């Protein structure tokens, strides 16, 4: 996944949208994905968290991109709901919950391998 994000970074603007505390998110991103993301939206950056669309709309605004040019990657039902409430295209990966709980997403992939294949197809 590291190499995929690095490849995507060269062609796309990337953001992390999390309901967690900023210090936790920045620590994890710095450890596992240093210098990959253009912006981080943490729970403390918004008044309303997921499933409200505010976190994703804040990311869209900070990235200065059009909503129809965005893809959200999610692994939680409330995140999928937030993405769809924001009017964004959403790909869900069932890492912690069963795929049927993510069925509001535009696409539900089976696993990270399938996600990487899909993301790599965007680079062509």
PDB file of N, CA and C in Angstrom:
ATOM      1  N   UNK A   1       0.829  -1.190   0.000  1.00  0.00           N
ATOM      2  CA  UNK A   1       0.000   0.000   0.000  1.00  0.00           C
ATOM      3  C   UNK A   1       0.877   1.260   0.000  1.00  0.00           C
ATOM      4  N   UNK A   2       2.033   1.183   0.656  1.00  0.00           N
ATOM      5  CA  UNK A   2       2.963   2.317   0.686  1.00  0.00           C
ATOM      6  C   UNK A   2       3.302   2.816  -0.710  1.00  0.00           C
ATOM      7  N   UNK A   3       3.722   1.890  -1.558  1.00  0.00           N
ATOM      8  CA  UNK A   3       4.130   2.255  -2.913  1.00  0.00           C
ATOM      9  C   UNK A   3       2.938   2.775  -3.721  1.00  0.00           C
ATOM     10  N   UNK A   4       1.767   2.217  -3.470  1.00  0.00           N
ATOM     11  CA  UNK A   4       0.573   2.687  -4.168  1.00  0.00           C
ATOM     12  C   UNK A   4       0.295   4.136  -3.810  1.00  0.00           C
ATOM     13  N   UNK A   5       0.353   4.466  -2.519  1.00  0.00           N
ATOM     14  CA  UNK A   5       0.118   5.853  -2.104  1.00  0.00           C
ATOM     15  C   UNK A   5       1.173   6.790  -2.691  1.00  0.00           C
ATOM     16  N   UNK A   6       2.411   6.346  -2.731  1.00  0.00           N
ATOM     17  CA  UNK A   6       3.465   7.186  -3.309  1.00  0.00           C
ATOM     18  C   UNK A   6       3.211   7.426  -4.795  1.00  0.00           C
ATOM     19  N   UNK A   7       2.752   6.398  -5.498  1.00  0.00           N
ATOM     20  CA  UNK A   7       2.421   6.558  -6.911  1.00  0.00           C
ATOM     21  C   UNK A   7       1.238   7.499  -7.091  1.00  0.00           C
ATOM     22  N   UNK A   8       0.227   7.331  -6.248  1.00  0.00           N
ATOM     23  CA  UNK A   8      -0.953   8.190  -6.329  1.00  0.00           C
ATOM     24  C   UNK A   8      -0.600   9.637  -6.013  1.00  0.00           C
ATOM     25  N   UNK A   9       0.306   9.816  -5.062  1.00  0.00           N
ATOM     26  CA  UNK A   9       0.700  11.159  -4.629  1.00  0.00           C
ATOM     27  C   UNK A   9       1.260  11.976  -5.792  1.00  0.00           C
ATOM     28  N   UNK A  10       1.907  11.318  -6.727  1.00  0.00           N
ATOM     29  CA  UNK A  10       2.502  12.047  -7.840  1.00  0.00           C
ATOM     30  C   UNK A  10       1.450  12.568  -8.823  1.00  0.00           C
ATOM     31  N   UNK A  11       0.227  12.021  -8.762  1.00  0.00           N
ATOM     32  CA  UNK A  11      -0.813  12.421  -9.704  1.00  0.00           C
ATOM     33  C   UNK A  11      -2.063  13.005  -9.060  1.00  0.00           C
ATOM     34  N   UNK A  12      -2.228  12.783  -7.765  1.00  0.00           N
ATOM     35  CA  UNK A  12      -3.446  13.213  -7.081  1.00  0.00           C
ATOM     36  C   UNK A  12      -3.124  13.920  -5.775  1.00  0.00           C
ATOM     37  N   UNK A  13      -4.053  14.730  -5.306  1.00  0.00           N
ATOM     38  CA  UNK A  13      -3.970  15.289  -3.967  1.00  0.00           C
ATOM     39  C   UNK A  13      -4.608  14.281  -3.020  1.00  0.00           C
ATOM     40  N   UNK A  14      -3.960  14.042  -1.882  1.00  0.00           N
ATOM     41  CA  UNK A  14      -4.421  13.025  -0.947  1.00  0.00           C
ATOM     42  C   UNK A  14      -4.692  13.630   0.423  1.00  0.00           C
ATOM     43  N   UNK A  15      -5.750  13.128   1.074  1.00  0.00           N
ATOM     44  CA  UNK A  15      -6.111  13.594   2.414  1.00  0.00           C
ATOM     45  C   UNK A  15      -6.465  12.408   3.295  1.00  0.00           C
ATOM     46  N   UNK A  16      -6.290  12.602   4.585  1.00  0.00           N
ATOM     47  CA  UNK A  16      -6.782  11.663   5.582  1.00  0.00           C
ATOM     48  C   UNK A  16      -7.904  12.364   6.317  1.00  0.00           C
ATOM     49  N   UNK A  17      -9.036  11.666   6.477  1.00  0.00           N
ATOM     50  CA  UNK A  17     -10.170  12.208   7.220  1.00  0.00           C
ATOM     51  C   UNK A  17     -10.486  11.218   8.328  1.00  0.00           C
ATOM     52  N   UNK A  18     -10.247  11.641   9.565  1.00  0.00           N
ATOM     53  CA  UNK A  18     -10.426  10.751  10.705  1.00  0.00           C
ATOM     54  C   UNK A  18     -11.162  11.471  11.827  1.00  0.00           C
ATOM     55  N   UNK A  19     -11.931  10.724  12.581  1.00  0.00           N
ATOM     56  CA  UNK A  19     -12.600  11.285  13.745  1.00  0.00           C
ATOM     57  C   UNK A  19     -11.711  11.294  14.971  1.00  0.00           C
ATOM     58  N   UNK A  20     -10.516  10.740  14.858  1.00  0.00           N
ATOM     59  CA  UNK A  20      -9.595  10.660  15.989  1.00  0.00           C
ATOM     60  C   UNK A  20      -8.935  12.007  16.281  1.00  0.00           C
ATOM     61  N   UNK A  21      -8.282  12.070  17.405  1.00  0.00           N
ATOM     62  CA  UNK A  21      -7.550  13.253  17.828  1.00  0.00           C
ATOM     63  C   UNK A  21      -6.395  13.530  16.859  1.00  0.00           C
ATOM     64  N   UNK A  22      -6.138  14.803  16.587  1.00  0.00           N
ATOM     65  CA  UNK A  22      -5.109  15.196  15.622  1.00  0.00           C
ATOM     66  C   UNK A  22      -3.737  14.608  15.966  1.00  0.00           C
ATOM     67  N   UNK A  23      -3.352  14.644  17.219  1.00  0.00           N
ATOM     68  CA  UNK A  23      -2.021  14.142  17.599  1.00  0.00           C
ATOM     69  C   UNK A  23      -1.874  12.662  17.250  1.00  0.00           C
ATOM     70  N   UNK A  24      -2.926  11.886  17.475  1.00  0.00           N
ATOM     71  CA  UNK A  24      -2.890  10.458  17.164  1.00  0.00           C
ATOM     72  C   UNK A  24      -2.780  10.250  15.657  1.00  0.00           C
ATOM     73  N   UNK A  25      -3.605  10.959  14.898  1.00  0.00           N
ATOM     74  CA  UNK A  25      -3.607  10.798  13.440  1.00  0.00           C
ATOM     75  C   UNK A  25      -2.257  11.219  12.858  1.00  0.00           C
ATOM     76  N   UNK A  26      -1.739  12.352  13.290  1.00  0.00           N
ATOM     77  CA  UNK A  26      -0.454  12.815  12.759  1.00  0.00           C
ATOM     78  C   UNK A  26       0.682  11.861  13.116  1.00  0.00           C
ATOM     79  N   UNK A  27       0.636  11.307  14.316  1.00  0.00           N
ATOM     80  CA  UNK A  27       1.663  10.339  14.716  1.00  0.00           C
ATOM     81  C   UNK A  27       1.616   9.108  13.837  1.00  0.00           C
ATOM     82  N   UNK A  28       0.426   8.564  13.630  1.00  0.00           N
ATOM     83  CA  UNK A  28       0.286   7.361  12.798  1.00  0.00           C
ATOM     84  C   UNK A  28       0.667   7.623  11.340  1.00  0.00           C
ATOM     85  N   UNK A  29       0.206   8.744  10.800  1.00  0.00           N
ATOM     86  CA  UNK A  29       0.532   9.052   9.410  1.00  0.00           C
ATOM     87  C   UNK A  29       2.026   9.305   9.253  1.00  0.00           C
ATOM     88  N   UNK A  30       2.626   9.977  10.219  1.00  0.00           N
ATOM     89  CA  UNK A  30       4.065  10.226  10.172  1.00  0.00           C
ATOM     90  C   UNK A  30       4.882   8.953  10.251  1.00  0.00           C
ATOM     91  N   UNK A  31       4.379   7.985  11.005  1.00  0.00           N
ATOM     92  CA  UNK A  31       5.086   6.715  11.169  1.00  0.00           C
ATOM     93  C   UNK A  31       4.921   5.803   9.956  1.00  0.00           C
ATOM     94  N   UNK A  32       3.685   5.672   9.470  1.00  0.00           N
ATOM     95  CA  UNK A  32       3.415   4.705   8.403  1.00  0.00           C
ATOM     96  C   UNK A  32       3.403   5.311   6.998  1.00  0.00           C
ATOM     97  N   UNK A  33       3.033   6.570   6.869  1.00  0.00           N
ATOM     98  CA  UNK A  33       2.920   7.216   5.553  1.00  0.00           C
ATOM     99  C   UNK A  33       3.497   8.628   5.591  1.00  0.00           C
ATOM    100  N   UNK A  34       4.772   8.770   5.893  1.00  0.00           N
ATOM    101  CA  UNK A  34       5.352  10.122   6.007  1.00  0.00           C
ATOM    102  C   UNK A  34       5.338  10.869   4.676  1.00  0.00           C
ATOM    103  N   UNK A  35       4.953  12.113   4.748  1.00  0.00           N
ATOM    104  CA  UNK A  35       4.970  13.023   3.599  1.00  0.00           C
ATOM    105  C   UNK A  35       4.143  12.545   2.406  1.00  0.00           C
ATOM    106  N   UNK A  36       3.075  11.828   2.666  1.00  0.00           N
ATOM    107  CA  UNK A  36       2.221  11.332   1.593  1.00  0.00           C
ATOM    108  C   UNK A  36       0.996  12.223   1.411  1.00  0.00           C
ATOM    109  N   UNK A  37       0.400  12.651   2.513  1.00  0.00           N
ATOM    110  CA  UNK A  37      -0.898  13.322   2.449  1.00  0.00           C
ATOM    111  C   UNK A  37      -0.762  14.844   2.434  1.00  0.00           C
ATOM    112  N   UNK A  38      -1.571  15.472   1.575  1.00  0.00           N
ATOM    113  CA  UNK A  38      -1.558  16.924   1.458  1.00  0.00           C
ATOM    114  C   UNK A  38      -2.225  17.603   2.641  1.00  0.00           C
ATOM    115  N   UNK A  39      -3.206  16.934   3.236  1.00  0.00           N
ATOM    116  CA  UNK A  39      -3.886  17.493   4.399  1.00  0.00           C
ATOM    117  C   UNK A  39      -4.446  16.376   5.259  1.00  0.00           C
ATOM    118  N   UNK A  40      -4.610  16.690   6.524  1.00  0.00           N
ATOM    119  CA  UNK A  40      -5.217  15.772   7.482  1.00  0.00           C
ATOM    120  C   UNK A  40      -6.373  16.498   8.138  1.00  0.00           C
ATOM    121  N   UNK A  41      -7.535  15.863   8.139  1.00  0.00           N
ATOM    122  CA  UNK A  41      -8.692  16.382   8.848  1.00  0.00           C
ATOM    123  C   UNK A  41      -8.914  15.455  10.037  1.00  0.00           C
ATOM    124  N   UNK A  42      -8.798  15.999  11.228  1.00  0.00           N
ATOM    125  CA  UNK A  42      -9.000  15.218  12.452  1.00  0.00           C
ATOM    126  C   UNK A  42     -10.329  15.626  13.085  1.00  0.00           C
ATOM    127  N   UNK A  43     -10.744  14.846  14.063  1.00  0.00           N
ATOM    128  CA  UNK A  43     -12.007  15.119  14.731  1.00  0.00           C
ATOM    129  C   UNK A  43     -12.097  16.515  15.315  1.00  0.00           C
ATOM    130  N   UNK A  44     -10.977  17.060  15.745  1.00  0.00           N
ATOM    131  CA  UNK A  44     -10.961  18.390  16.345  1.00  0.00           C
ATOM    132  C   UNK A  44     -11.038  19.516  15.317  1.00  0.00           C
ATOM    133  N   UNK A  45     -10.945  19.174  14.038  1.00  0.00           N
ATOM    134  CA  UNK A  45     -10.991  20.190  12.982  1.00  0.00           C
ATOM    135  C   UNK A  45     -12.401  20.529  12.534  1.00  0.00           C
ATOM    136  N   UNK A  46     -13.370  19.755  12.995  1.00  0.00           N
ATOM    137  CA  UNK A  46     -14.751  19.956  12.558  1.00  0.00           C
ATOM    138  C   UNK A  46     -15.686  19.988  13.773  1.00  0.00           C
ATOM    139  N   UNK A  47     -16.850  20.607  13.561  1.00  0.00           N
ATOM    140  CA  UNK A  47     -17.837  20.643  14.639  1.00  0.00           C
ATOM    141  C   UNK A  47     -18.640  19.357  14.696  1.00  0.00           C
ATOM    142  N   UNK A  48     -18.927  18.801  13.521  1.00  0.00           N
ATOM    143  CA  UNK A  48     -19.720  17.573  13.448  1.00  0.00           C
ATOM    144  C   UNK A  48     -18.890  16.476  12.806  1.00  0.00           C
ATOM    145  N   UNK A  49     -18.899  15.311  13.417  1.00  0.00           N
ATOM    146  CA  UNK A  49     -18.148  14.185  12.879  1.00  0.00           C
ATOM    147  C   UNK A  49     -19.002  13.300  11.988  1.00  0.00           C
ATOM    148  N   UNK A  50     -18.378  12.266  11.481  1.00  0.00           N
ATOM    149  CA  UNK A  50     -19.068  11.291  10.642  1.00  0.00           C
ATOM    150  C   UNK A  50     -20.242  10.708  11.434  1.00  0.00           C
ATOM    151  N   UNK A  51     -21.412  10.542  10.847  1.00  0.00           N
ATOM    152  CA  UNK A  51     -21.766  10.493   9.432  1.00  0.00           C
ATOM    153  C   UNK A  51     -22.106  11.844   8.803  1.00  0.00           C
ATOM    154  N   UNK A  52     -21.935  12.939   9.535  1.00  0.00           N
ATOM    155  CA  UNK A  52     -22.147  14.251   8.938  1.00  0.00           C
ATOM    156  C   UNK A  52     -21.124  14.440   7.810  1.00  0.00           C
ATOM    157  N   UNK A  53     -21.483  15.148   6.767  1.00  0.00           N
ATOM    158  CA  UNK A  53     -20.552  15.336   5.648  1.00  0.00           C
ATOM    159  C   UNK A  53     -19.423  16.332   5.937  1.00  0.00           C
ATOM    160  N   UNK A  54     -19.511  17.077   7.036  1.00  0.00           N
ATOM    161  CA  UNK A  54     -18.538  18.142   7.299  1.00  0.00           C
ATOM    162  C   UNK A  54     -17.072  17.697   7.198  1.00  0.00           C
ATOM    163  N   UNK A  55     -16.674  16.564   7.772  1.00  0.00           N
ATOM    164  CA  UNK A  55     -15.248  16.196   7.655  1.00  0.00           C
ATOM    165  C   UNK A  55     -14.776  16.052   6.207  1.00  0.00           C
ATOM    166  N   UNK A  56     -15.576  15.411   5.375  1.00  0.00           N
ATOM    167  CA  UNK A  56     -15.174  15.232   3.982  1.00  0.00           C
ATOM    168  C   UNK A  56     -15.268  16.531   3.186  1.00  0.00           C
ATOM    169  N   UNK A  57     -16.272  17.335   3.471  1.00  0.00           N
ATOM    170  CA  UNK A  57     -16.374  18.625   2.772  1.00  0.00           C
ATOM    171  C   UNK A  57     -15.211  19.540   3.160  1.00  0.00           C
ATOM    172  N   UNK A  58     -14.753  19.439   4.392  1.00  0.00           N
ATOM    173  CA  UNK A  58     -13.585  20.207   4.828  1.00  0.00           C
ATOM    174  C   UNK A  58     -12.339  19.759   4.065  1.00  0.00           C
ATOM    175  N   UNK A  59     -12.196  18.463   3.868  1.00  0.00           N
ATOM    176  CA  UNK A  59     -11.052  17.945   3.102  1.00  0.00           C
ATOM    177  C   UNK A  59     -11.103  18.429   1.664  1.00  0.00           C
ATOM    178  N   UNK A  60     -12.283  18.380   1.061  1.00  0.00           N
ATOM    179  CA  UNK A  60     -12.444  18.849  -0.322  1.00  0.00           C
ATOM    180  C   UNK A  60     -12.041  20.321  -0.419  1.00  0.00           C
ATOM    181  N   UNK A  61     -12.474  21.108   0.544  1.00  0.00           N
ATOM    182  CA  UNK A  61     -12.148  22.541   0.554  1.00  0.00           C
ATOM    183  C   UNK A  61     -10.648  22.761   0.719  1.00  0.00           C
ATOM    184  N   UNK A  62     -10.027  22.063   1.655  1.00  0.00           N
ATOM    185  CA  UNK A  62      -8.586  22.240   1.886  1.00  0.00           C
ATOM    186  C   UNK A  62      -7.745  21.777   0.702  1.00  0.00           C
ATOM    187  N   UNK A  63      -8.220  20.752   0.021  1.00  0.00           N
ATOM    188  CA  UNK A  63      -7.488  20.272  -1.155  1.00  0.00           C
ATOM    189  C   UNK A  63      -7.737  21.137  -2.383  1.00  0.00           C
ATOM    190  N   UNK A  64      -8.776  21.968  -2.304  1.00  0.00           N
ATOM    191  CA  UNK A  64      -9.153  22.847  -3.415  1.00  0.00           C
ATOM    192  C   UNK A  64      -9.414  22.038  -4.688  1.00  0.00           C
ATOM    193  N   UNK A  65     -10.265  21.021  -4.543  1.00  0.00           N
ATOM    194  CA  UNK A  65     -10.650  20.180  -5.667  1.00  0.00           C
ATOM    195  C   UNK A  65     -12.173  20.158  -5.788  1.00  0.00           C
ATOM    196  N   UNK A  66     -12.647  19.747  -6.944  1.00  0.00           N
ATOM    197  CA  UNK A  66     -14.085  19.617  -7.145  1.00  0.00           C
ATOM    198  C   UNK A  66     -14.556  18.283  -6.585  1.00  0.00           C
ATOM    199  N   UNK A  67     -15.756  18.283  -6.018  1.00  0.00           N
ATOM    200  CA  UNK A  67     -16.293  17.061  -5.416  1.00  0.00           C
ATOM    201  C   UNK A  67     -16.372  15.909  -6.403  1.00  0.00           C
ATOM    202  N   UNK A  68     -16.686  16.217  -7.654  1.00  0.00           N
ATOM    203  CA  UNK A  68     -16.819  15.136  -8.634  1.00  0.00           C
ATOM    204  C   UNK A  68     -15.473  14.565  -9.069  1.00  0.00           C
ATOM    205  N   UNK A  69     -14.389  15.120  -8.553  1.00  0.00           N
ATOM    206  CA  UNK A  69     -13.041  14.617  -8.838  1.00  0.00           C
ATOM    207  C   UNK A  69     -12.461  13.861  -7.638  1.00  0.00           C
ATOM    208  N   UNK A  70     -13.281  13.629  -6.615  1.00  0.00           N
ATOM    209  CA  UNK A  70     -12.811  12.999  -5.377  1.00  0.00           C
ATOM    210  C   UNK A  70     -13.225  11.537  -5.287  1.00  0.00           C
ATOM    211  N   UNK A  71     -12.369  10.759  -4.649  1.00  0.00           N
ATOM    212  CA  UNK A  71     -12.669   9.377  -4.305  1.00  0.00           C
ATOM    213  C   UNK A  71     -12.356   9.210  -2.825  1.00  0.00           C
ATOM    214  N   UNK A  72     -13.302   8.670  -2.099  1.00  0.00           N
ATOM    215  CA  UNK A  72     -13.113   8.393  -0.679  1.00  0.00           C
ATOM    216  C   UNK A  72     -12.874   6.900  -0.509  1.00  0.00           C
ATOM    217  N   UNK A  73     -11.877   6.554   0.300  1.00  0.00           N
ATOM    218  CA  UNK A  73     -11.643   5.167   0.691  1.00  0.00           C
ATOM    219  C   UNK A  73     -12.096   5.035   2.133  1.00  0.00           C
ATOM    220  N   UNK A  74     -12.996   4.124   2.407  1.00  0.00           N
ATOM    221  CA  UNK A  74     -13.554   3.979   3.750  1.00  0.00           C
ATOM    222  C   UNK A  74     -13.590   2.522   4.174  1.00  0.00           C
ATOM    223  N   UNK A  75     -13.567   2.320   5.499  1.00  0.00           N
ATOM    224  CA  UNK A  75     -13.694   0.967   6.035  1.00  0.00           C
ATOM    225  C   UNK A  75     -14.745   0.875   7.126  1.00  0.00           C
ATOM    226  N   UNK A  76     -15.535   1.941   7.298  1.00  0.00           N
ATOM    227  CA  UNK A  76     -16.537   1.962   8.358  1.00  0.00           C
ATOM    228  C   UNK A  76     -17.869   2.482   7.823  1.00  0.00           C
ATOM    229  N   UNK A  77     -18.976   1.928   8.313  1.00  0.00           N
ATOM    230  CA  UNK A  77     -20.293   2.367   7.845  1.00  0.00           C
ATOM    231  C   UNK A  77     -20.552   3.865   8.018  1.00  0.00           C
ATOM    232  N   UNK A  78     -20.175   4.447   9.150  1.00  0.00           N
ATOM    233  CA  UNK A  78     -20.398   5.881   9.346  1.00  0.00           C
ATOM    234  C   UNK A  78     -19.553   6.714   8.384  1.00  0.00           C
ATOM    235  N   UNK A  79     -18.369   6.231   8.045  1.00  0.00           N
ATOM    236  CA  UNK A  79     -17.529   6.923   7.076  1.00  0.00           C
ATOM    237  C   UNK A  79     -18.119   6.883   5.684  1.00  0.00           C
ATOM    238  N   UNK A  80     -18.640   5.714   5.298  1.00  0.00           N
ATOM    239  CA  UNK A  80     -19.304   5.594   3.998  1.00  0.00           C
ATOM    240  C   UNK A  80     -20.497   6.544   3.952  1.00  0.00           C
ATOM    241  N   UNK A  81     -21.266   6.558   5.026  1.00  0.00           N
ATOM    242  CA  UNK A  81     -22.429   7.442   5.082  1.00  0.00           C
ATOM    243  C   UNK A  81     -22.012   8.906   4.973  1.00  0.00           C
ATOM    244  N   UNK A  82     -20.938   9.284   5.653  1.00  0.00           N
ATOM    245  CA  UNK A  82     -20.436  10.660   5.583  1.00  0.00           C
ATOM    246  C   UNK A  82     -20.008  11.022   4.168  1.00  0.00           C
ATOM    247  N   UNK A  83     -19.298  10.113   3.513  1.00  0.00           N
ATOM    248  CA  UNK A  83     -18.841  10.364   2.140  1.00  0.00           C
ATOM    249  C   UNK A  83     -20.030  10.560   1.209  1.00  0.00           C
ATOM    250  N   UNK A  84     -21.008   9.684   1.319  1.00  0.00           N
ATOM    251  CA  UNK A  84     -22.187   9.781   0.456  1.00  0.00           C
ATOM    252  C   UNK A  84     -23.004  11.029   0.801  1.00  0.00           C
ATOM    253  N   UNK A  85     -23.097  11.384   2.092  1.00  0.00           N
ATOM    254  CA  UNK A  85     -23.789  12.615   2.498  1.00  0.00           C
ATOM    255  C   UNK A  85     -23.098  13.848   1.926  1.00  0.00           C
ATOM    256  N   UNK A  86     -21.789  13.742   1.699  1.00  0.00           N
ATOM    257  CA  UNK A  86     -21.023  14.848   1.120  1.00  0.00           C
ATOM    258  C   UNK A  86     -21.110  14.857  -0.408  1.00  0.00           C
ATOM    259  N   UNK A  87     -21.748  13.841  -0.979  1.00  0.00           N
ATOM    260  CA  UNK A  87     -21.873  13.767  -2.428  1.00  0.00           C
ATOM    261  C   UNK A  87     -20.619  13.270  -3.113  1.00  0.00           C
ATOM    262  N   UNK A  88     -19.854  12.431  -2.428  1.00  0.00           N
ATOM    263  CA  UNK A  88     -18.582  11.952  -2.952  1.00  0.00           C
ATOM    264  C   UNK A  88     -18.652  10.479  -3.346  1.00  0.00           C
ATOM    265  N   UNK A  89     -17.842  10.099  -4.325  1.00  0.00           N
ATOM    266  CA  UNK A  89     -17.707   8.714  -4.746  1.00  0.00           C
ATOM    267  C   UNK A  89     -16.952   7.967  -3.655  1.00  0.00           C
ATOM    268  N   UNK A  90     -17.425   6.794  -3.274  1.00  0.00           N
ATOM    269  CA  UNK A  90     -16.832   6.081  -2.147  1.00  0.00           C
ATOM    270  C   UNK A  90     -16.540   4.631  -2.486  1.00  0.00           C
ATOM    271  N   UNK A  91     -15.313   4.217  -2.153  1.00  0.00           N
ATOM    272  CA  UNK A  91     -14.899   2.821  -2.263  1.00  0.00           C
ATOM    273  C   UNK A  91     -14.727   2.308  -0.836  1.00  0.00           C
ATOM    274  N   UNK A  92     -15.380   1.212  -0.524  1.00  0.00           N
ATOM    275  CA  UNK A  92     -15.285   0.642   0.819  1.00  0.00           C
ATOM    276  C   UNK A  92     -14.451  -0.625   0.818  1.00  0.00           C
ATOM    277  N   UNK A  93     -13.685  -0.788   1.908  1.00  0.00           N
ATOM    278  CA  UNK A  93     -12.860  -1.971   2.108  1.00  0.00           C
ATOM    279  C   UNK A  93     -13.269  -2.593   3.442  1.00  0.00           C
ATOM    280  N   UNK A  94     -13.790  -3.805   3.425  1.00  0.00           N
ATOM    281  CA  UNK A  94     -14.243  -4.417   4.674  1.00  0.00           C
ATOM    282  C   UNK A  94     -13.082  -4.961   5.513  1.00  0.00           C
ATOM    283  N   UNK A  95     -12.419  -4.069   6.249  1.00  0.00           N
ATOM    284  CA  UNK A  95     -11.295  -4.492   7.079  1.00  0.00           C
ATOM    285  C   UNK A  95     -11.733  -4.870   8.488  1.00  0.00           C
ATOM    286  N   UNK A  96     -12.716  -4.153   9.028  1.00  0.00           N
ATOM    287  CA  UNK A  96     -13.153  -4.393  10.405  1.00  0.00           C
ATOM    288  C   UNK A  96     -14.607  -4.826  10.515  1.00  0.00           C
ATOM    289  N   UNK A  97     -15.361  -4.645   9.465  1.00  0.00           N
ATOM    290  CA  UNK A  97     -16.778  -5.023   9.450  1.00  0.00           C
ATOM    291  C   UNK A  97     -17.058  -5.813   8.180  1.00  0.00           C
ATOM    292  N   UNK A  98     -18.188  -6.495   8.167  1.00  0.00           N
ATOM    293  CA  UNK A  98     -18.529  -7.275   6.976  1.00  0.00           C
ATOM    294  C   UNK A  98     -18.930  -6.352   5.829  1.00  0.00           C
ATOM    295  N   UNK A  99     -18.725  -6.840   4.635  1.00  0.00           N
ATOM    296  CA  UNK A  99     -18.976  -6.048   3.428  1.00  0.00           C
ATOM    297  C   UNK A  99     -20.416  -5.563   3.340  1.00  0.00           C
ATOM    298  N   UNK A 100     -21.368  -6.347   3.832  1.00  0.00           N
ATOM    299  CA  UNK A 100     -22.769  -5.944   3.730  1.00  0.00           C
ATOM    300  C   UNK A 100     -23.066  -4.678   4.536  1.00  0.00           C
ATOM    301  N   UNK A 101     -22.257  -4.366   5.548  1.00  0.00           N
ATOM    302  CA  UNK A 101     -22.450  -3.138   6.327  1.00  0.00           C
ATOM    303  C   UNK A 101     -21.925  -1.902   5.594  1.00  0.00           C
ATOM    304  N   UNK A 102     -21.222  -2.124   4.486  1.00  0.00           N
ATOM    305  CA  UNK A 102     -20.647  -1.028   3.709  1.00  0.00           C
ATOM    306  C   UNK A 102     -21.360  -0.848   2.376  1.00  0.00           C
ATOM    307  N   UNK A 103     -22.516  -1.443   2.232  1.00  0.00           N
ATOM    308  CA  UNK A 103     -23.192  -1.506   0.931  1.00  0.00           C
ATOM    309  C   UNK A 103     -23.701  -0.167   0.401  1.00  0.00           C
ATOM    310  N   UNK A 104     -23.612   0.905   1.180  1.00  0.00           N
ATOM    311  CA  UNK A 104     -23.998   2.227   0.668  1.00  0.00           C
ATOM    312  C   UNK A 104     -22.880   2.850  -0.171  1.00  0.00           C
ATOM    313  N   UNK A 105     -21.710   2.244  -0.140  1.00  0.00           N
ATOM    314  CA  UNK A 105     -20.581   2.736  -0.942  1.00  0.00           C
ATOM    315  C   UNK A 105     -20.863   2.482  -2.423  1.00  0.00           C
ATOM    316  N   UNK A 106     -20.209   3.242  -3.279  1.00  0.00           N
ATOM    317  CA  UNK A 106     -20.347   3.043  -4.722  1.00  0.00           C
ATOM    318  C   UNK A 106     -19.733   1.721  -5.157  1.00  0.00           C
ATOM    319  N   UNK A 107     -18.611   1.382  -4.543  1.00  0.00           N
ATOM    320  CA  UNK A 107     -17.919   0.125  -4.821  1.00  0.00           C
ATOM    321  C   UNK A 107     -17.480  -0.462  -3.482  1.00  0.00           C
ATOM    322  N   UNK A 108     -17.660  -1.748  -3.308  1.00  0.00           N
ATOM    323  CA  UNK A 108     -17.105  -2.453  -2.151  1.00  0.00           C
ATOM    324  C   UNK A 108     -16.133  -3.490  -2.703  1.00  0.00           C
ATOM    325  N   UNK A 109     -14.859  -3.316  -2.389  1.00  0.00           N
ATOM    326  CA  UNK A 109     -13.849  -4.276  -2.834  1.00  0.00           C
ATOM    327  C   UNK A 109     -13.732  -5.384  -1.794  1.00  0.00           C
ATOM    328  N   UNK A 110     -13.154  -6.509  -2.203  1.00  0.00           N
ATOM    329  CA  UNK A 110     -13.041  -7.647  -1.277  1.00  0.00           C
ATOM    330  C   UNK A 110     -11.975  -7.429  -0.207  1.00  0.00           C
ATOM    331  N   UNK A 111     -10.864  -6.801  -0.612  1.00  0.00           N
ATOM    332  CA  UNK A 111      -9.732  -6.675   0.311  1.00  0.00           C
ATOM    333  C   UNK A 111      -8.776  -5.591  -0.203  1.00  0.00           C
ATOM    334  N   UNK A 112      -7.676  -5.414   0.515  1.00  0.00           N
ATOM    335  CA  UNK A 112      -6.705  -4.384   0.127  1.00  0.00           C
ATOM    336  C   UNK A 112      -6.048  -4.679  -1.221  1.00  0.00           C
ATOM    337  N   UNK A 113      -5.884  -5.947  -1.541  1.00  0.00           N
ATOM    338  CA  UNK A 113      -5.298  -6.305  -2.834  1.00  0.00           C
ATOM    339  C   UNK A 113      -6.165  -5.777  -3.971  1.00  0.00           C
ATOM    340  N   UNK A 114      -7.460  -6.003  -3.864  1.00  0.00           N
ATOM    341  CA  UNK A 114      -8.374  -5.524  -4.900  1.00  0.00           C
ATOM    342  C   UNK A 114      -8.427  -3.997  -4.926  1.00  0.00           C
ATOM    343  N   UNK A 115      -8.331  -3.381  -3.755  1.00  0.00           N
ATOM    344  CA  UNK A 115      -8.297  -1.918  -3.683  1.00  0.00           C
ATOM    345  C   UNK A 115      -7.070  -1.387  -4.419  1.00  0.00           C
ATOM    346  N   UNK A 116      -5.919  -1.976  -4.151  1.00  0.00           N
ATOM    347  CA  UNK A 116      -4.678  -1.538  -4.803  1.00  0.00           C
ATOM    348  C   UNK A 116      -4.779  -1.704  -6.317  1.00  0.00           C
ATOM    349  N   UNK A 117      -5.348  -2.812  -6.771  1.00  0.00           N
ATOM    350  CA  UNK A 117      -5.523  -3.015  -8.205  1.00  0.00           C
ATOM    351  C   UNK A 117      -6.386  -1.915  -8.807  1.00  0.00           C
ATOM    352  N   UNK A 118      -7.466  -1.579  -8.127  1.00  0.00           N
ATOM    353  CA  UNK A 118      -8.354  -0.520  -8.620  1.00  0.00           C
ATOM    354  C   UNK A 118      -7.620   0.818  -8.643  1.00  0.00           C
ATOM    355  N   UNK A 119      -6.936   1.146  -7.566  1.00  0.00           N
ATOM    356  CA  UNK A 119      -6.226   2.431  -7.495  1.00  0.00           C
ATOM    357  C   UNK A 119      -5.124   2.500  -8.557  1.00  0.00           C
ATOM    358  N   UNK A 120      -4.425   1.420  -8.767  1.00  0.00           N
ATOM    359  CA  UNK A 120      -3.382   1.399  -9.796  1.00  0.00           C
ATOM    360  C   UNK A 120      -3.966   1.580 -11.189  1.00  0.00           C
ATOM    361  N   UNK A 121      -5.184   1.097 -11.396  1.00  0.00           N
ATOM    362  CA  UNK A 121      -5.816   1.276 -12.708  1.00  0.00           C
ATOM    363  C   UNK A 121      -6.091   2.758 -12.988  1.00  0.00           C
ATOM    364  N   UNK A 122      -6.195   3.560 -11.942  1.00  0.00           N
ATOM    365  CA  UNK A 122      -6.402   4.997 -12.118  1.00  0.00           C
ATOM    366  C   UNK A 122      -5.143   5.698 -12.614  1.00  0.00           C
ATOM    367  N   UNK A 123      -4.013   5.069 -12.414  1.00  0.00           N
ATOM    368  CA  UNK A 123      -2.734   5.672 -12.804  1.00  0.00           C
ATOM    369  C   UNK A 123      -2.421   5.504 -14.275  1.00  0.00           C
ATOM    370  N   UNK A 124      -3.128   4.599 -14.937  1.00  0.00           N
ATOM    371  CA  UNK A 124      -2.862   4.334 -16.360  1.00  0.00           C
ATOM    372  C   UNK A 124      -3.272   5.494 -17.240  1.00  0.00           C
TER     373      UNK A 124
END
